[in-house]
Amino acid sequence: MSAVAVLRLPLAADLSGFVALLRRLQVPHRVIEEGGEQVLWVAGEELAEQVRELYARYPDGDAAGEVAEPVAPEREGVLLQLRRSPLTGAVLLLTFIVFAVTAAGENFAAIRWLSFVDFRIDGEHLYLTYLEATLASGQWWRLLTPMLIHFGWLHLAMNSLWYWELGRRIEFRQGAIGLLGLTLLFALASNFAQYWWAGPSLFGGLSGVLYGLLGHCWIYQRLAPNPVYRLPPGVLVMMLAWLAICMTGVFELLQFGAIANAAHLGGLLTGCLTGLLGGMLARRSA
């Protein structure tokens, strides 16, 4: 969804009161100087119309009455969404490239360079090194790259869909740099949590990052309600229920493969912490 210029006013016009009102309402916006004017931008025409109406009523930000909260912009075509969420699209593109290079998780020669710790295969046996030895050789990228590895189409599809859904929300609300920082932080936290819990092992996927994004939106929204982080009903319950079911070990018993439960939990807890900090800062600045 492309950005829309809501207002174009002379530089002498005082927008501080109205901008403060938008902040209180948690409306994502930007004010820039352009062509000798100050221009107020928001994402999407629907949100722009609501902001124009709001300015017509409260140009000085003095909303003495009850003000309805503008809603998040409606979804549009995929190409327009990619233009509005370039970082989300870039992470997914990189994930798809790695998926192709690793042959859907079957090319262990390629996976070896992206796994959390180095390993070698001797016959039917997998021998993994410890993290200390891996980092001693200067391979620091391994702390993050497991998030790009996916084992099979279903694994990729589920994680990609959820990153697309949650990543766009955070990029819209906190910008591309904010989403990048949170993605890397959650990848680091979830990878370390899995290694701490299970020791040297082969794991990968965006799911630890996804639970971090989920926890971030959840707690942030509780402290500083805003339309962007308002998740569809049942999503949070479903994701937490899935986490609880996975932690029972039922899928391992049914021989569906091992699940990196510690990575999921580590990502979720870290996301709740960033959501707490971000929500508190948003409330303080409102």
C-alpha atoms as a PDB file:
ATOM      1  CA  MET A   1       0.000   0.000   0.000  1.00  0.00           C
ATOM      2  CA  SER A   2       1.522   3.332  -1.084  1.00  0.00           C
ATOM      3  CA  ALA A   3       1.931   6.370   1.140  1.00  0.00           C
ATOM      4  CA  VAL A   4      -0.635   9.158   0.786  1.00  0.00           C
ATOM      5  CA  ALA A   5      -0.053  12.854   1.429  1.00  0.00           C
ATOM      6  CA  VAL A   6      -2.814  13.940   3.808  1.00  0.00           C
ATOM      7  CA  LEU A   7      -1.919  17.588   4.319  1.00  0.00           C
ATOM      8  CA  ARG A   8       0.361  20.117   2.645  1.00  0.00           C
ATOM      9  CA  LEU A   9       0.793  23.222   4.773  1.00  0.00           C
ATOM     10  CA  PRO A  10       3.165  26.192   4.867  1.00  0.00           C
ATOM     11  CA  LEU A  11       6.252  25.804   7.019  1.00  0.00           C
ATOM     12  CA  ALA A  12       4.907  28.508   9.332  1.00  0.00           C
ATOM     13  CA  ALA A  13       1.806  26.428  10.177  1.00  0.00           C
ATOM     14  CA  ASP A  14       1.951  24.795  13.617  1.00  0.00           C
ATOM     15  CA  LEU A  15       1.254  21.058  13.307  1.00  0.00           C
ATOM     16  CA  SER A  16       2.630  20.101  16.715  1.00  0.00           C
ATOM     17  CA  GLY A  17      -0.775  19.834  18.403  1.00  0.00           C
ATOM     18  CA  PHE A  18      -2.290  17.703  15.648  1.00  0.00           C
ATOM     19  CA  VAL A  19       0.796  15.467  15.486  1.00  0.00           C
ATOM     20  CA  ALA A  20       0.545  14.954  19.248  1.00  0.00           C
ATOM     21  CA  LEU A  21      -3.091  13.915  18.751  1.00  0.00           C
ATOM     22  CA  LEU A  22      -2.077  11.368  16.099  1.00  0.00           C
ATOM     23  CA  ARG A  23       0.508   9.963  18.485  1.00  0.00           C
ATOM     24  CA  ARG A  24      -2.083   9.597  21.225  1.00  0.00           C
ATOM     25  CA  LEU A  25      -4.281   7.714  18.791  1.00  0.00           C
ATOM     26  CA  GLN A  26      -1.343   5.499  17.708  1.00  0.00           C
ATOM     27  CA  VAL A  27      -1.730   6.522  14.052  1.00  0.00           C
ATOM     28  CA  PRO A  28       1.439   5.767  12.029  1.00  0.00           C
ATOM     29  CA  HIS A  29       2.480   8.922  10.170  1.00  0.00           C
ATOM     30  CA  ARG A  30       5.392  11.015   8.974  1.00  0.00           C
ATOM     31  CA  VAL A  31       5.864  14.770   8.572  1.00  0.00           C
ATOM     32  CA  ILE A  32       8.550  15.903   6.148  1.00  0.00           C
ATOM     33  CA  GLU A  33       9.587  19.171   4.511  1.00  0.00           C
ATOM     34  CA  GLU A  34       9.013  19.059   0.788  1.00  0.00           C
ATOM     35  CA  GLY A  35       9.049  21.892  -1.739  1.00  0.00           C
ATOM     36  CA  GLY A  36       8.862  24.603   0.903  1.00  0.00           C
ATOM     37  CA  GLU A  37       5.911  22.930   2.618  1.00  0.00           C
ATOM     38  CA  GLN A  38       5.430  20.501   5.489  1.00  0.00           C
ATOM     39  CA  VAL A  39       3.695  17.349   4.281  1.00  0.00           C
ATOM     40  CA  LEU A  40       1.882  14.846   6.478  1.00  0.00           C
ATOM     41  CA  TRP A  41       1.997  11.282   5.097  1.00  0.00           C
ATOM     42  CA  VAL A  42       0.108   8.124   6.114  1.00  0.00           C
ATOM     43  CA  ALA A  43      -0.203   4.682   4.503  1.00  0.00           C
ATOM     44  CA  GLY A  44      -3.304   4.125   2.409  1.00  0.00           C
ATOM     45  CA  GLU A  45      -6.157   6.275   1.170  1.00  0.00           C
ATOM     46  CA  GLU A  46      -8.668   4.961   3.713  1.00  0.00           C
ATOM     47  CA  LEU A  47      -6.513   6.001   6.652  1.00  0.00           C
ATOM     48  CA  ALA A  48      -5.767   9.303   4.889  1.00  0.00           C
ATOM     49  CA  GLU A  49      -9.472  10.137   4.654  1.00  0.00           C
ATOM     50  CA  GLN A  50      -9.943   9.539   8.368  1.00  0.00           C
ATOM     51  CA  VAL A  51      -6.943  11.709   9.221  1.00  0.00           C
ATOM     52  CA  ARG A  52      -8.260  14.518   6.991  1.00  0.00           C
ATOM     53  CA  GLU A  53     -11.598  14.388   8.764  1.00  0.00           C
ATOM     54  CA  LEU A  54      -9.795  14.421  12.089  1.00  0.00           C
ATOM     55  CA  TYR A  55      -7.792  17.506  11.080  1.00  0.00           C
ATOM     56  CA  ALA A  56     -10.954  19.273   9.936  1.00  0.00           C
ATOM     57  CA  ARG A  57     -12.385  18.789  13.433  1.00  0.00           C
ATOM     58  CA  TYR A  58      -9.250  19.261  15.532  1.00  0.00           C
ATOM     59  CA  PRO A  59      -6.579  21.215  13.603  1.00  0.00           C
ATOM     60  CA  ASP A  60      -4.892  22.215  16.852  1.00  0.00           C
ATOM     61  CA  GLY A  61      -5.086  18.712  18.329  1.00  0.00           C
ATOM     62  CA  ASP A  62      -7.549  19.883  20.993  1.00  0.00           C
ATOM     63  CA  ALA A  63      -9.793  16.802  20.976  1.00  0.00           C
ATOM     64  CA  ALA A  64     -11.978  17.640  23.930  1.00  0.00           C
ATOM     65  CA  GLY A  65     -14.609  15.111  22.896  1.00  0.00           C
ATOM     66  CA  GLU A  66     -14.361  11.415  22.202  1.00  0.00           C
ATOM     67  CA  VAL A  67     -12.280  10.720  19.086  1.00  0.00           C
ATOM     68  CA  ALA A  68     -12.684   7.451  17.242  1.00  0.00           C
ATOM     69  CA  GLU A  69      -9.433   5.639  16.575  1.00  0.00           C
ATOM     70  CA  PRO A  70      -8.554   5.445  12.877  1.00  0.00           C
ATOM     71  CA  VAL A  71      -8.426   1.889  11.654  1.00  0.00           C
ATOM     72  CA  ALA A  72      -5.518   0.144  10.014  1.00  0.00           C
ATOM     73  CA  PRO A  73      -5.468   0.409   6.235  1.00  0.00           C
ATOM     74  CA  GLU A  74      -7.231  -2.322   4.307  1.00  0.00           C
ATOM     75  CA  ARG A  75      -5.153  -4.879   2.469  1.00  0.00           C
ATOM     76  CA  GLU A  76      -4.534  -4.298  -1.224  1.00  0.00           C
ATOM     77  CA  GLY A  77      -2.727  -6.223  -3.954  1.00  0.00           C
ATOM     78  CA  VAL A  78       0.472  -8.122  -3.223  1.00  0.00           C
ATOM     79  CA  LEU A  79       2.628  -5.744  -5.287  1.00  0.00           C
ATOM     80  CA  LEU A  80       1.333  -2.714  -3.404  1.00  0.00           C
ATOM     81  CA  GLN A  81       1.913  -4.476  -0.101  1.00  0.00           C
ATOM     82  CA  LEU A  82       5.473  -5.325  -1.143  1.00  0.00           C
ATOM     83  CA  ARG A  83       6.108  -1.664  -1.926  1.00  0.00           C
ATOM     84  CA  ARG A  84       4.891  -0.761   1.545  1.00  0.00           C
ATOM     85  CA  SER A  85       6.794  -3.615   3.239  1.00  0.00           C
ATOM     86  CA  PRO A  86      10.133  -3.971   1.406  1.00  0.00           C
ATOM     87  CA  LEU A  87      12.028  -5.420   4.378  1.00  0.00           C
ATOM     88  CA  THR A  88       9.402  -8.117   4.952  1.00  0.00           C
ATOM     89  CA  GLY A  89       9.615  -9.040   1.274  1.00  0.00           C
ATOM     90  CA  ALA A  90      13.429  -9.018   1.308  1.00  0.00           C
ATOM     91  CA  VAL A  91      13.635 -11.423   4.261  1.00  0.00           C
ATOM     92  CA  LEU A  92      11.192 -13.792   2.573  1.00  0.00           C
ATOM     93  CA  LEU A  93      13.067 -13.580  -0.740  1.00  0.00           C
ATOM     94  CA  LEU A  94      16.326 -14.465   1.012  1.00  0.00           C
ATOM     95  CA  THR A  95      14.564 -17.363   2.716  1.00  0.00           C
ATOM     96  CA  PHE A  96      13.274 -18.660  -0.635  1.00  0.00           C
ATOM     97  CA  ILE A  97      16.761 -18.416  -2.166  1.00  0.00           C
ATOM     98  CA  VAL A  98      18.268 -20.402   0.712  1.00  0.00           C
ATOM     99  CA  PHE A  99      15.467 -22.938   0.384  1.00  0.00           C
ATOM    100  CA  ALA A 100      16.363 -23.426  -3.289  1.00  0.00           C
ATOM    101  CA  VAL A 101      20.114 -23.611  -2.623  1.00  0.00           C
ATOM    102  CA  THR A 102      19.643 -26.157   0.174  1.00  0.00           C
ATOM    103  CA  ALA A 103      17.256 -28.224  -2.010  1.00  0.00           C
ATOM    104  CA  ALA A 104      14.383 -27.973   0.496  1.00  0.00           C
ATOM    105  CA  GLY A 105      16.643 -29.026   3.335  1.00  0.00           C
ATOM    106  CA  GLU A 106      18.214 -31.993   1.548  1.00  0.00           C
ATOM    107  CA  ASN A 107      21.525 -30.435   0.502  1.00  0.00           C
ATOM    108  CA  PHE A 108      23.573 -30.861   3.673  1.00  0.00           C
ATOM    109  CA  ALA A 109      26.708 -29.522   2.002  1.00  0.00           C
ATOM    110  CA  ALA A 110      24.943 -26.141   1.719  1.00  0.00           C
ATOM    111  CA  ILE A 111      23.178 -26.386   5.077  1.00  0.00           C
ATOM    112  CA  ARG A 112      26.523 -26.977   6.754  1.00  0.00           C
ATOM    113  CA  TRP A 113      27.486 -23.341   6.087  1.00  0.00           C
ATOM    114  CA  LEU A 114      24.281 -21.954   7.599  1.00  0.00           C
ATOM    115  CA  SER A 115      23.661 -24.177  10.641  1.00  0.00           C
ATOM    116  CA  PHE A 116      24.191 -22.884  14.177  1.00  0.00           C
ATOM    117  CA  VAL A 117      27.263 -25.103  14.615  1.00  0.00           C
ATOM    118  CA  ASP A 118      29.449 -26.791  12.030  1.00  0.00           C
ATOM    119  CA  PHE A 119      29.050 -30.501  11.364  1.00  0.00           C
ATOM    120  CA  ARG A 120      30.255 -33.330   9.171  1.00  0.00           C
ATOM    121  CA  ILE A 121      28.537 -36.430   7.876  1.00  0.00           C
ATOM    122  CA  ASP A 122      30.251 -39.811   7.987  1.00  0.00           C
ATOM    123  CA  GLY A 123      28.062 -42.456   6.446  1.00  0.00           C
ATOM    124  CA  GLU A 124      24.734 -42.336   8.281  1.00  0.00           C
ATOM    125  CA  HIS A 125      26.129 -40.444  11.264  1.00  0.00           C
ATOM    126  CA  LEU A 126      26.064 -36.685  11.854  1.00  0.00           C
ATOM    127  CA  TYR A 127      28.892 -35.255  13.961  1.00  0.00           C
ATOM    128  CA  LEU A 128      28.361 -31.728  15.278  1.00  0.00           C
ATOM    129  CA  THR A 129      30.919 -29.416  16.814  1.00  0.00           C
ATOM    130  CA  TYR A 130      30.372 -27.183  19.840  1.00  0.00           C
ATOM    131  CA  LEU A 131      29.575 -23.503  19.495  1.00  0.00           C
ATOM    132  CA  GLU A 132      32.879 -22.421  21.019  1.00  0.00           C
ATOM    133  CA  ALA A 133      34.852 -24.216  18.317  1.00  0.00           C
ATOM    134  CA  THR A 134      32.625 -22.834  15.578  1.00  0.00           C
ATOM    135  CA  LEU A 135      32.947 -19.220  16.750  1.00  0.00           C
ATOM    136  CA  ALA A 136      36.674 -19.607  17.318  1.00  0.00           C
ATOM    137  CA  SER A 137      37.002 -20.036  13.557  1.00  0.00           C
ATOM    138  CA  GLY A 138      35.278 -16.665  13.013  1.00  0.00           C
ATOM    139  CA  GLN A 139      31.977 -18.016  11.680  1.00  0.00           C
ATOM    140  CA  TRP A 140      29.790 -15.519  13.544  1.00  0.00           C
ATOM    141  CA  TRP A 141      27.098 -15.474  10.867  1.00  0.00           C
ATOM    142  CA  ARG A 142      25.924 -18.851  12.185  1.00  0.00           C
ATOM    143  CA  LEU A 143      24.322 -17.106  15.154  1.00  0.00           C
ATOM    144  CA  LEU A 144      21.613 -15.811  12.788  1.00  0.00           C
ATOM    145  CA  THR A 145      21.514 -17.909   9.616  1.00  0.00           C
ATOM    146  CA  PRO A 146      19.569 -20.931  10.991  1.00  0.00           C
ATOM    147  CA  MET A 147      16.416 -18.826  10.600  1.00  0.00           C
ATOM    148  CA  LEU A 148      16.843 -19.112   6.813  1.00  0.00           C
ATOM    149  CA  ILE A 149      16.967 -22.933   6.751  1.00  0.00           C
ATOM    150  CA  HIS A 150      13.721 -24.822   6.155  1.00  0.00           C
ATOM    151  CA  PHE A 151      13.194 -28.557   5.904  1.00  0.00           C
ATOM    152  CA  GLY A 152      10.444 -29.203   3.390  1.00  0.00           C
ATOM    153  CA  TRP A 153       7.724 -27.226   1.632  1.00  0.00           C
ATOM    154  CA  LEU A 154       5.228 -27.290   4.489  1.00  0.00           C
ATOM    155  CA  HIS A 155       7.819 -25.917   6.910  1.00  0.00           C
ATOM    156  CA  LEU A 156       8.603 -23.081   4.485  1.00  0.00           C
ATOM    157  CA  ALA A 157       4.979 -22.309   3.637  1.00  0.00           C
ATOM    158  CA  MET A 158       3.774 -22.025   7.226  1.00  0.00           C
ATOM    159  CA  ASN A 159       6.665 -19.875   8.394  1.00  0.00           C
ATOM    160  CA  SER A 160       6.560 -17.636   5.308  1.00  0.00           C
ATOM    161  CA  LEU A 161       2.851 -16.942   5.643  1.00  0.00           C
ATOM    162  CA  TRP A 162       3.168 -15.966   9.300  1.00  0.00           C
ATOM    163  CA  TYR A 163       6.242 -13.802   8.716  1.00  0.00           C
ATOM    164  CA  TRP A 164       4.353 -12.040   5.920  1.00  0.00           C
ATOM    165  CA  GLU A 165       1.416 -11.407   8.227  1.00  0.00           C
ATOM    166  CA  LEU A 166       3.326 -10.286  11.333  1.00  0.00           C
ATOM    167  CA  GLY A 167       6.342  -8.699   9.662  1.00  0.00           C
ATOM    168  CA  ARG A 168       4.232  -6.273   7.610  1.00  0.00           C
ATOM    169  CA  ARG A 169       2.450  -5.102  10.726  1.00  0.00           C
ATOM    170  CA  ILE A 170       5.681  -4.256  12.520  1.00  0.00           C
ATOM    171  CA  GLU A 171       7.267  -2.694   9.439  1.00  0.00           C
ATOM    172  CA  PHE A 172       4.182  -0.482   9.004  1.00  0.00           C
ATOM    173  CA  ARG A 173       4.147   0.548  12.670  1.00  0.00           C
ATOM    174  CA  GLN A 174       7.857   0.705  13.539  1.00  0.00           C
ATOM    175  CA  GLY A 175       9.570   0.914  10.165  1.00  0.00           C
ATOM    176  CA  ALA A 176      11.965  -1.326   8.252  1.00  0.00           C
ATOM    177  CA  ILE A 177      14.851  -0.726  10.664  1.00  0.00           C
ATOM    178  CA  GLY A 178      12.632  -1.670  13.603  1.00  0.00           C
ATOM    179  CA  LEU A 179      11.549  -4.908  11.928  1.00  0.00           C
ATOM    180  CA  LEU A 180      15.121  -5.767  10.948  1.00  0.00           C
ATOM    181  CA  GLY A 181      16.368  -5.216  14.487  1.00  0.00           C
ATOM    182  CA  LEU A 182      13.587  -7.318  16.001  1.00  0.00           C
ATOM    183  CA  THR A 183      14.062 -10.104  13.433  1.00  0.00           C
ATOM    184  CA  LEU A 184      17.781 -10.374  14.154  1.00  0.00           C
ATOM    185  CA  LEU A 185      17.240 -10.158  17.912  1.00  0.00           C
ATOM    186  CA  PHE A 186      14.599 -12.903  17.908  1.00  0.00           C
ATOM    187  CA  ALA A 187      16.743 -15.095  15.651  1.00  0.00           C
ATOM    188  CA  LEU A 188      19.676 -14.715  18.024  1.00  0.00           C
ATOM    189  CA  ALA A 189      17.584 -15.363  21.140  1.00  0.00           C
ATOM    190  CA  SER A 190      15.752 -18.386  19.736  1.00  0.00           C
ATOM    191  CA  ASN A 191      18.910 -19.983  18.349  1.00  0.00           C
ATOM    192  CA  PHE A 192      20.766 -19.594  21.642  1.00  0.00           C
ATOM    193  CA  ALA A 193      17.760 -20.933  23.562  1.00  0.00           C
ATOM    194  CA  GLN A 194      17.636 -24.053  21.394  1.00  0.00           C
ATOM    195  CA  TYR A 195      21.391 -24.632  21.715  1.00  0.00           C
ATOM    196  CA  TRP A 196      21.288 -24.097  25.472  1.00  0.00           C
ATOM    197  CA  TRP A 197      18.435 -26.581  25.844  1.00  0.00           C
ATOM    198  CA  ALA A 198      19.426 -29.305  23.389  1.00  0.00           C
ATOM    199  CA  GLY A 199      23.149 -28.811  22.910  1.00  0.00           C
ATOM    200  CA  PRO A 200      24.734 -29.206  19.464  1.00  0.00           C
ATOM    201  CA  SER A 201      21.930 -30.110  17.058  1.00  0.00           C
ATOM    202  CA  LEU A 202      20.695 -29.366  13.568  1.00  0.00           C
ATOM    203  CA  PHE A 203      17.719 -27.013  13.550  1.00  0.00           C
ATOM    204  CA  GLY A 204      16.383 -24.148  11.486  1.00  0.00           C
ATOM    205  CA  GLY A 205      13.397 -22.078  10.425  1.00  0.00           C
ATOM    206  CA  LEU A 206      11.735 -18.732  11.016  1.00  0.00           C
ATOM    207  CA  SER A 207       9.406 -20.093  13.695  1.00  0.00           C
ATOM    208  CA  GLY A 208      11.472 -18.789  16.607  1.00  0.00           C
ATOM    209  CA  VAL A 209      11.409 -15.335  15.012  1.00  0.00           C
ATOM    210  CA  LEU A 210       7.662 -15.661  14.400  1.00  0.00           C
ATOM    211  CA  TYR A 211       6.939 -16.329  18.047  1.00  0.00           C
ATOM    212  CA  GLY A 212       9.056 -13.296  18.877  1.00  0.00           C
ATOM    213  CA  LEU A 213       7.014 -11.117  16.516  1.00  0.00           C
ATOM    214  CA  LEU A 214       3.818 -12.570  17.963  1.00  0.00           C
ATOM    215  CA  GLY A 215       4.866 -11.814  21.546  1.00  0.00           C
ATOM    216  CA  HIS A 216       5.954  -8.317  20.554  1.00  0.00           C
ATOM    217  CA  CYS A 217       2.621  -7.437  18.918  1.00  0.00           C
ATOM    218  CA  TRP A 218       0.657  -9.057  21.759  1.00  0.00           C
ATOM    219  CA  ILE A 219       2.237  -7.184  24.671  1.00  0.00           C
ATOM    220  CA  TYR A 220       2.729  -3.932  22.771  1.00  0.00           C
ATOM    221  CA  GLN A 221      -0.964  -3.907  21.859  1.00  0.00           C
ATOM    222  CA  ARG A 222      -1.975  -4.566  25.463  1.00  0.00           C
ATOM    223  CA  LEU A 223      -0.008  -1.561  26.714  1.00  0.00           C
ATOM    224  CA  ALA A 224      -0.477   0.849  23.788  1.00  0.00           C
ATOM    225  CA  PRO A 225      -3.540  -0.235  21.778  1.00  0.00           C
ATOM    226  CA  ASN A 226      -3.254   0.495  18.068  1.00  0.00           C
ATOM    227  CA  PRO A 227      -5.079  -0.857  15.018  1.00  0.00           C
ATOM    228  CA  VAL A 228      -1.951  -2.224  13.340  1.00  0.00           C
ATOM    229  CA  TYR A 229      -1.039  -4.703  16.097  1.00  0.00           C
ATOM    230  CA  ARG A 230      -4.626  -5.819  16.685  1.00  0.00           C
ATOM    231  CA  LEU A 231      -4.452  -9.493  15.631  1.00  0.00           C
ATOM    232  CA  PRO A 232      -7.464 -11.393  14.273  1.00  0.00           C
ATOM    233  CA  PRO A 233      -9.484 -13.158  16.991  1.00  0.00           C
ATOM    234  CA  GLY A 234      -8.158 -16.587  17.873  1.00  0.00           C
ATOM    235  CA  VAL A 235      -4.685 -16.136  16.345  1.00  0.00           C
ATOM    236  CA  LEU A 236      -2.935 -15.703  19.672  1.00  0.00           C
ATOM    237  CA  VAL A 237      -4.815 -18.607  21.265  1.00  0.00           C
ATOM    238  CA  MET A 238      -4.058 -20.843  18.287  1.00  0.00           C
ATOM    239  CA  MET A 239      -0.340 -20.033  18.263  1.00  0.00           C
ATOM    240  CA  LEU A 240       0.052 -20.525  22.007  1.00  0.00           C
ATOM    241  CA  ALA A 241      -1.957 -23.745  21.880  1.00  0.00           C
ATOM    242  CA  TRP A 242       0.275 -25.014  19.076  1.00  0.00           C
ATOM    243  CA  LEU A 243       3.357 -24.187  21.151  1.00  0.00           C
ATOM    244  CA  ALA A 244       1.946 -26.078  24.132  1.00  0.00           C
ATOM    245  CA  ILE A 245       1.064 -29.115  22.003  1.00  0.00           C
ATOM    246  CA  CYS A 246       4.526 -29.210  20.448  1.00  0.00           C
ATOM    247  CA  MET A 247       6.157 -29.047  23.875  1.00  0.00           C
ATOM    248  CA  THR A 248       4.361 -32.249  24.930  1.00  0.00           C
ATOM    249  CA  GLY A 249       6.602 -34.189  22.547  1.00  0.00           C
ATOM    250  CA  VAL A 250       3.675 -35.807  20.755  1.00  0.00           C
ATOM    251  CA  PHE A 251       5.112 -35.148  17.301  1.00  0.00           C
ATOM    252  CA  GLU A 252       8.397 -36.813  18.206  1.00  0.00           C
ATOM    253  CA  LEU A 253       6.475 -39.835  19.516  1.00  0.00           C
ATOM    254  CA  LEU A 254       4.551 -40.018  16.244  1.00  0.00           C
ATOM    255  CA  GLN A 255       7.889 -39.753  14.391  1.00  0.00           C
ATOM    256  CA  PHE A 256       6.920 -36.579  12.560  1.00  0.00           C
ATOM    257  CA  GLY A 257      10.362 -35.145  13.304  1.00  0.00           C
ATOM    258  CA  ALA A 258      11.914 -33.094  16.087  1.00  0.00           C
ATOM    259  CA  ILE A 259      10.581 -29.596  16.797  1.00  0.00           C
ATOM    260  CA  ALA A 260      12.774 -26.811  18.194  1.00  0.00           C
ATOM    261  CA  ASN A 261      10.489 -26.021  21.126  1.00  0.00           C
ATOM    262  CA  ALA A 262      13.163 -24.113  23.037  1.00  0.00           C
ATOM    263  CA  ALA A 263      13.639 -21.814  20.043  1.00  0.00           C
ATOM    264  CA  HIS A 264       9.898 -21.114  19.948  1.00  0.00           C
ATOM    265  CA  LEU A 265       9.724 -20.376  23.651  1.00  0.00           C
ATOM    266  CA  GLY A 266      12.913 -18.299  23.622  1.00  0.00           C
ATOM    267  CA  GLY A 267      11.594 -16.205  20.751  1.00  0.00           C
ATOM    268  CA  LEU A 268       8.208 -15.728  22.438  1.00  0.00           C
ATOM    269  CA  LEU A 269       9.691 -14.590  25.753  1.00  0.00           C
ATOM    270  CA  THR A 270      12.091 -12.197  24.042  1.00  0.00           C
ATOM    271  CA  GLY A 271       9.220 -10.806  21.971  1.00  0.00           C
ATOM    272  CA  CYS A 272       7.129 -10.243  25.070  1.00  0.00           C
ATOM    273  CA  LEU A 273      10.028  -8.318  26.573  1.00  0.00           C
ATOM    274  CA  THR A 274      10.479  -6.060  23.529  1.00  0.00           C
ATOM    275  CA  GLY A 275       6.706  -5.572  23.374  1.00  0.00           C
ATOM    276  CA  LEU A 276       6.737  -4.546  27.028  1.00  0.00           C
ATOM    277  CA  LEU A 277       9.507  -2.020  26.482  1.00  0.00           C
ATOM    278  CA  GLY A 278       8.034  -0.706  23.235  1.00  0.00           C
ATOM    279  CA  GLY A 279       4.525  -0.447  24.666  1.00  0.00           C
ATOM    280  CA  MET A 280       5.732   1.413  27.743  1.00  0.00           C
ATOM    281  CA  LEU A 281       7.664   3.891  25.606  1.00  0.00           C
ATOM    282  CA  ALA A 282       4.639   4.392  23.351  1.00  0.00           C
ATOM    283  CA  ARG A 283       2.395   5.078  26.338  1.00  0.00           C
ATOM    284  CA  ARG A 284       4.890   7.529  27.790  1.00  0.00           C
ATOM    285  CA  SER A 285       5.179   9.478  24.526  1.00  0.00           C
ATOM    286  CA  ALA A 286       1.409   9.544  23.983  1.00  0.00           C
END
